[in-house]
C-alpha atoms as a PDB file:
ATOM      1  CA  UNK A   1      21.797  -1.354   0.686  1.00  0.00           C
ATOM      2  CA  UNK A   2      19.646  -2.897   3.190  1.00  0.00           C
ATOM      3  CA  UNK A   3      16.239  -1.407   3.807  1.00  0.00           C
ATOM      4  CA  UNK A   4      17.219  -0.839   7.675  1.00  0.00           C
ATOM      5  CA  UNK A   5      20.498   1.212   6.799  1.00  0.00           C
ATOM      6  CA  UNK A   6      18.306   3.164   4.083  1.00  0.00           C
ATOM      7  CA  UNK A   7      15.906   3.825   6.575  1.00  0.00           C
ATOM      8  CA  UNK A   8      18.532   5.574   9.032  1.00  0.00           C
ATOM      9  CA  UNK A   9      19.844   7.685   6.181  1.00  0.00           C
ATOM     10  CA  UNK A  10      16.323   8.386   5.049  1.00  0.00           C
ATOM     11  CA  UNK A  11      15.473   9.758   8.777  1.00  0.00           C
ATOM     12  CA  UNK A  12      18.341  12.421   8.801  1.00  0.00           C
ATOM     13  CA  UNK A  13      18.162  12.669  12.595  1.00  0.00           C
ATOM     14  CA  UNK A  14      14.522  13.092  12.664  1.00  0.00           C
ATOM     15  CA  UNK A  15      12.189  11.045  14.804  1.00  0.00           C
ATOM     16  CA  UNK A  16       9.912   8.659  12.832  1.00  0.00           C
ATOM     17  CA  UNK A  17       6.663  10.549  14.156  1.00  0.00           C
ATOM     18  CA  UNK A  18       7.984  13.816  11.810  1.00  0.00           C
ATOM     19  CA  UNK A  19       8.028  11.809   8.961  1.00  0.00           C
ATOM     20  CA  UNK A  20       5.783  12.663   6.084  1.00  0.00           C
ATOM     21  CA  UNK A  21       7.163  11.019   2.691  1.00  0.00           C
ATOM     22  CA  UNK A  22       9.667   8.021   2.986  1.00  0.00           C
ATOM     23  CA  UNK A  23      11.231   6.979  -0.249  1.00  0.00           C
ATOM     24  CA  UNK A  24      13.022   3.672   0.302  1.00  0.00           C
ATOM     25  CA  UNK A  25      13.139   2.527  -3.535  1.00  0.00           C
ATOM     26  CA  UNK A  26      15.874   0.084  -4.669  1.00  0.00           C
ATOM     27  CA  UNK A  27      17.384  -0.967  -1.355  1.00  0.00           C
ATOM     28  CA  UNK A  28      17.385  -4.463  -0.473  1.00  0.00           C
ATOM     29  CA  UNK A  29      14.959  -6.062   1.899  1.00  0.00           C
ATOM     30  CA  UNK A  30      17.010  -8.942   3.215  1.00  0.00           C
ATOM     31  CA  UNK A  31      14.278 -11.655   3.773  1.00  0.00           C
ATOM     32  CA  UNK A  32      11.408 -10.157   1.345  1.00  0.00           C
ATOM     33  CA  UNK A  33       9.820  -8.309   4.531  1.00  0.00           C
ATOM     34  CA  UNK A  34       9.371  -4.912   5.005  1.00  0.00           C
ATOM     35  CA  UNK A  35      11.868  -3.749   7.871  1.00  0.00           C
ATOM     36  CA  UNK A  36      12.349  -0.976  10.409  1.00  0.00           C
ATOM     37  CA  UNK A  37       8.655   0.775   9.473  1.00  0.00           C
ATOM     38  CA  UNK A  38       6.917   0.876  12.751  1.00  0.00           C
ATOM     39  CA  UNK A  39       3.793   2.390  14.123  1.00  0.00           C
ATOM     40  CA  UNK A  40       6.178   5.156  15.210  1.00  0.00           C
ATOM     41  CA  UNK A  41       5.846   6.439  11.684  1.00  0.00           C
ATOM     42  CA  UNK A  42       2.268   7.776  12.768  1.00  0.00           C
ATOM     43  CA  UNK A  43       2.410  10.688  10.397  1.00  0.00           C
ATOM     44  CA  UNK A  44       3.361   8.874   7.393  1.00  0.00           C
ATOM     45  CA  UNK A  45       1.268   9.858   4.379  1.00  0.00           C
ATOM     46  CA  UNK A  46       3.460   8.469   1.508  1.00  0.00           C
ATOM     47  CA  UNK A  47       5.561   5.318   1.367  1.00  0.00           C
ATOM     48  CA  UNK A  48       7.464   4.096  -1.420  1.00  0.00           C
ATOM     49  CA  UNK A  49       8.843   0.635  -1.846  1.00  0.00           C
ATOM     50  CA  UNK A  50       9.815   0.188  -4.975  1.00  0.00           C
ATOM     51  CA  UNK A  51      11.912  -2.792  -6.231  1.00  0.00           C
ATOM     52  CA  UNK A  52      13.176  -3.668  -3.034  1.00  0.00           C
ATOM     53  CA  UNK A  53      12.549  -7.497  -3.031  1.00  0.00           C
ATOM     54  CA  UNK A  54       9.321  -7.592  -1.056  1.00  0.00           C
ATOM     55  CA  UNK A  55       7.475 -11.113  -1.074  1.00  0.00           C
ATOM     56  CA  UNK A  56       5.251 -10.014   1.647  1.00  0.00           C
ATOM     57  CA  UNK A  57       3.639  -7.152   3.226  1.00  0.00           C
ATOM     58  CA  UNK A  58       2.967  -8.767   6.442  1.00  0.00           C
ATOM     59  CA  UNK A  59       5.449  -6.834   8.601  1.00  0.00           C
ATOM     60  CA  UNK A  60       3.504  -3.738   7.462  1.00  0.00           C
ATOM     61  CA  UNK A  61       2.192  -1.920  10.741  1.00  0.00           C
ATOM     62  CA  UNK A  62      -0.816   0.095  11.181  1.00  0.00           C
ATOM     63  CA  UNK A  63      -0.235   3.531   9.416  1.00  0.00           C
ATOM     64  CA  UNK A  64      -3.618   5.747  10.302  1.00  0.00           C
ATOM     65  CA  UNK A  65      -2.543   8.460   8.153  1.00  0.00           C
ATOM     66  CA  UNK A  66      -0.848   6.665   4.923  1.00  0.00           C
ATOM     67  CA  UNK A  67      -2.704   7.733   1.883  1.00  0.00           C
ATOM     68  CA  UNK A  68      -0.148   6.871  -0.888  1.00  0.00           C
ATOM     69  CA  UNK A  69       1.433   3.147  -1.140  1.00  0.00           C
ATOM     70  CA  UNK A  70       3.712   2.375  -4.049  1.00  0.00           C
ATOM     71  CA  UNK A  71       4.871  -1.471  -3.969  1.00  0.00           C
ATOM     72  CA  UNK A  72       5.898  -1.836  -7.586  1.00  0.00           C
ATOM     73  CA  UNK A  73       8.130  -4.324  -9.121  1.00  0.00           C
ATOM     74  CA  UNK A  74       8.546  -6.400  -5.898  1.00  0.00           C
ATOM     75  CA  UNK A  75       7.905 -10.177  -5.942  1.00  0.00           C
ATOM     76  CA  UNK A  76       4.452  -9.977  -3.841  1.00  0.00           C
ATOM     77  CA  UNK A  77       2.112 -12.875  -4.587  1.00  0.00           C
ATOM     78  CA  UNK A  78      -0.484 -12.426  -1.762  1.00  0.00           C
ATOM     79  CA  UNK A  79      -1.431 -11.377   1.729  1.00  0.00           C
ATOM     80  CA  UNK A  80      -2.853  -8.264   0.675  1.00  0.00           C
ATOM     81  CA  UNK A  81      -5.699  -8.257   3.353  1.00  0.00           C
ATOM     82  CA  UNK A  82      -2.952  -6.968   5.686  1.00  0.00           C
ATOM     83  CA  UNK A  83      -3.343  -3.365   3.468  1.00  0.00           C
ATOM     84  CA  UNK A  84      -7.129  -3.301   3.874  1.00  0.00           C
ATOM     85  CA  UNK A  85      -7.048  -3.873   7.422  1.00  0.00           C
ATOM     86  CA  UNK A  86      -3.966  -1.647   8.388  1.00  0.00           C
ATOM     87  CA  UNK A  87      -4.294   1.311   6.335  1.00  0.00           C
ATOM     88  CA  UNK A  88      -7.539   2.893   6.705  1.00  0.00           C
ATOM     89  CA  UNK A  89      -7.127   6.322   4.663  1.00  0.00           C
ATOM     90  CA  UNK A  90      -5.227   4.674   1.869  1.00  0.00           C
ATOM     91  CA  UNK A  91      -6.181   6.269  -1.537  1.00  0.00           C
ATOM     92  CA  UNK A  92      -3.493   5.229  -3.970  1.00  0.00           C
ATOM     93  CA  UNK A  93      -1.893   1.623  -4.253  1.00  0.00           C
ATOM     94  CA  UNK A  94       0.588   0.716  -7.007  1.00  0.00           C
ATOM     95  CA  UNK A  95       1.014  -3.272  -7.393  1.00  0.00           C
ATOM     96  CA  UNK A  96       2.342  -3.300 -10.857  1.00  0.00           C
ATOM     97  CA  UNK A  97       4.934  -5.476 -11.643  1.00  0.00           C
ATOM     98  CA  UNK A  98       4.390  -7.934  -8.856  1.00  0.00           C
ATOM     99  CA  UNK A  99       3.997 -11.855  -8.806  1.00  0.00           C
ATOM    100  CA  UNK A 100       0.207 -12.221  -8.853  1.00  0.00           C
ATOM    101  CA  UNK A 101      -0.976 -15.448 -10.124  1.00  0.00           C
ATOM    102  CA  UNK A 102      -4.333 -14.477 -10.895  1.00  0.00           C
ATOM    103  CA  UNK A 103      -6.917 -11.840 -10.286  1.00  0.00           C
ATOM    104  CA  UNK A 104      -8.542 -13.375  -7.252  1.00  0.00           C
ATOM    105  CA  UNK A 105      -5.294 -12.446  -5.507  1.00  0.00           C
ATOM    106  CA  UNK A 106      -6.749  -8.797  -5.468  1.00  0.00           C
ATOM    107  CA  UNK A 107     -10.123  -9.922  -3.784  1.00  0.00           C
ATOM    108  CA  UNK A 108      -9.176  -8.613  -0.427  1.00  0.00           C
ATOM    109  CA  UNK A 109      -8.734  -5.239  -1.892  1.00  0.00           C
ATOM    110  CA  UNK A 110     -12.141  -5.118  -3.616  1.00  0.00           C
ATOM    111  CA  UNK A 111     -13.765  -5.717  -0.356  1.00  0.00           C
ATOM    112  CA  UNK A 112     -11.607  -3.058   1.568  1.00  0.00           C
ATOM    113  CA  UNK A 113     -13.227   0.206   2.052  1.00  0.00           C
ATOM    114  CA  UNK A 114     -10.408   2.400   1.442  1.00  0.00           C
ATOM    115  CA  UNK A 115     -11.405   6.053   2.108  1.00  0.00           C
ATOM    116  CA  UNK A 116     -15.026   5.518   1.770  1.00  0.00           C
ATOM    117  CA  UNK A 117     -15.708   8.899   2.275  1.00  0.00           C
ATOM    118  CA  UNK A 118     -13.924  10.142  -0.657  1.00  0.00           C
ATOM    119  CA  UNK A 119     -15.453   7.764  -3.424  1.00  0.00           C
ATOM    120  CA  UNK A 120     -18.480   8.468  -4.939  1.00  0.00           C
ATOM    121  CA  UNK A 121     -21.498   5.918  -4.418  1.00  0.00           C
ATOM    122  CA  UNK A 122     -21.739   3.417  -7.013  1.00  0.00           C
ATOM    123  CA  UNK A 123     -24.619   3.604  -9.608  1.00  0.00           C
ATOM    124  CA  UNK A 124     -25.320   7.217  -8.755  1.00  0.00           C
ATOM    125  CA  UNK A 125     -25.803   9.626 -11.515  1.00  0.00           C
ATOM    126  CA  UNK A 126     -25.673  13.263 -11.675  1.00  0.00           C
ATOM    127  CA  UNK A 127     -28.836  14.752 -11.634  1.00  0.00           C
ATOM    128  CA  UNK A 128     -29.653  16.993 -14.924  1.00  0.00           C
ATOM    129  CA  UNK A 129     -31.464  20.530 -14.534  1.00  0.00           C
ATOM    130  CA  UNK A 130     -32.948  22.488 -17.343  1.00  0.00           C
ATOM    131  CA  UNK A 131     -29.771  24.715 -17.816  1.00  0.00           C
ATOM    132  CA  UNK A 132     -28.145  21.796 -18.802  1.00  0.00           C
ATOM    133  CA  UNK A 133     -30.120  20.973 -21.824  1.00  0.00           C
ATOM    134  CA  UNK A 134     -29.907  24.606 -22.925  1.00  0.00           C
ATOM    135  CA  UNK A 135     -26.097  24.523 -22.541  1.00  0.00           C
ATOM    136  CA  UNK A 136     -26.122  21.650 -24.765  1.00  0.00           C
ATOM    137  CA  UNK A 137     -27.407  23.441 -27.706  1.00  0.00           C
ATOM    138  CA  UNK A 138     -25.010  26.231 -27.392  1.00  0.00           C
ATOM    139  CA  UNK A 139     -22.308  23.583 -28.208  1.00  0.00           C
ATOM    140  CA  UNK A 140     -23.334  22.617 -31.318  1.00  0.00           C
END
């Protein structure tokens, strides 16, 4: 089944703005691109496109509320800067089983500040107080 047809079935007579989760796994992308998903899916929080034959994520629209994106088992080999630019609240991304030739392809994701507010500051350690030392003795 192609992606556009599957998308219309998944909508089940709902408008795109009503959809919070969309699973299009194992359907087919006719040109290796994301098809039918537009900025109208403004409330989409979870999107799964596992094994759909994607070679590019360039057609992915800006989805402000998207938190989880599953893109495993596709043929994506680059162009990941789009994810950093358009998915500002992303907290979970699965890219396993794609066609990345080397680790430098993931560089745009390293520089991205996906959901910066929820991540701890690098290098920051929890301060210990006197009570922590006492608790350690009890464990022995």
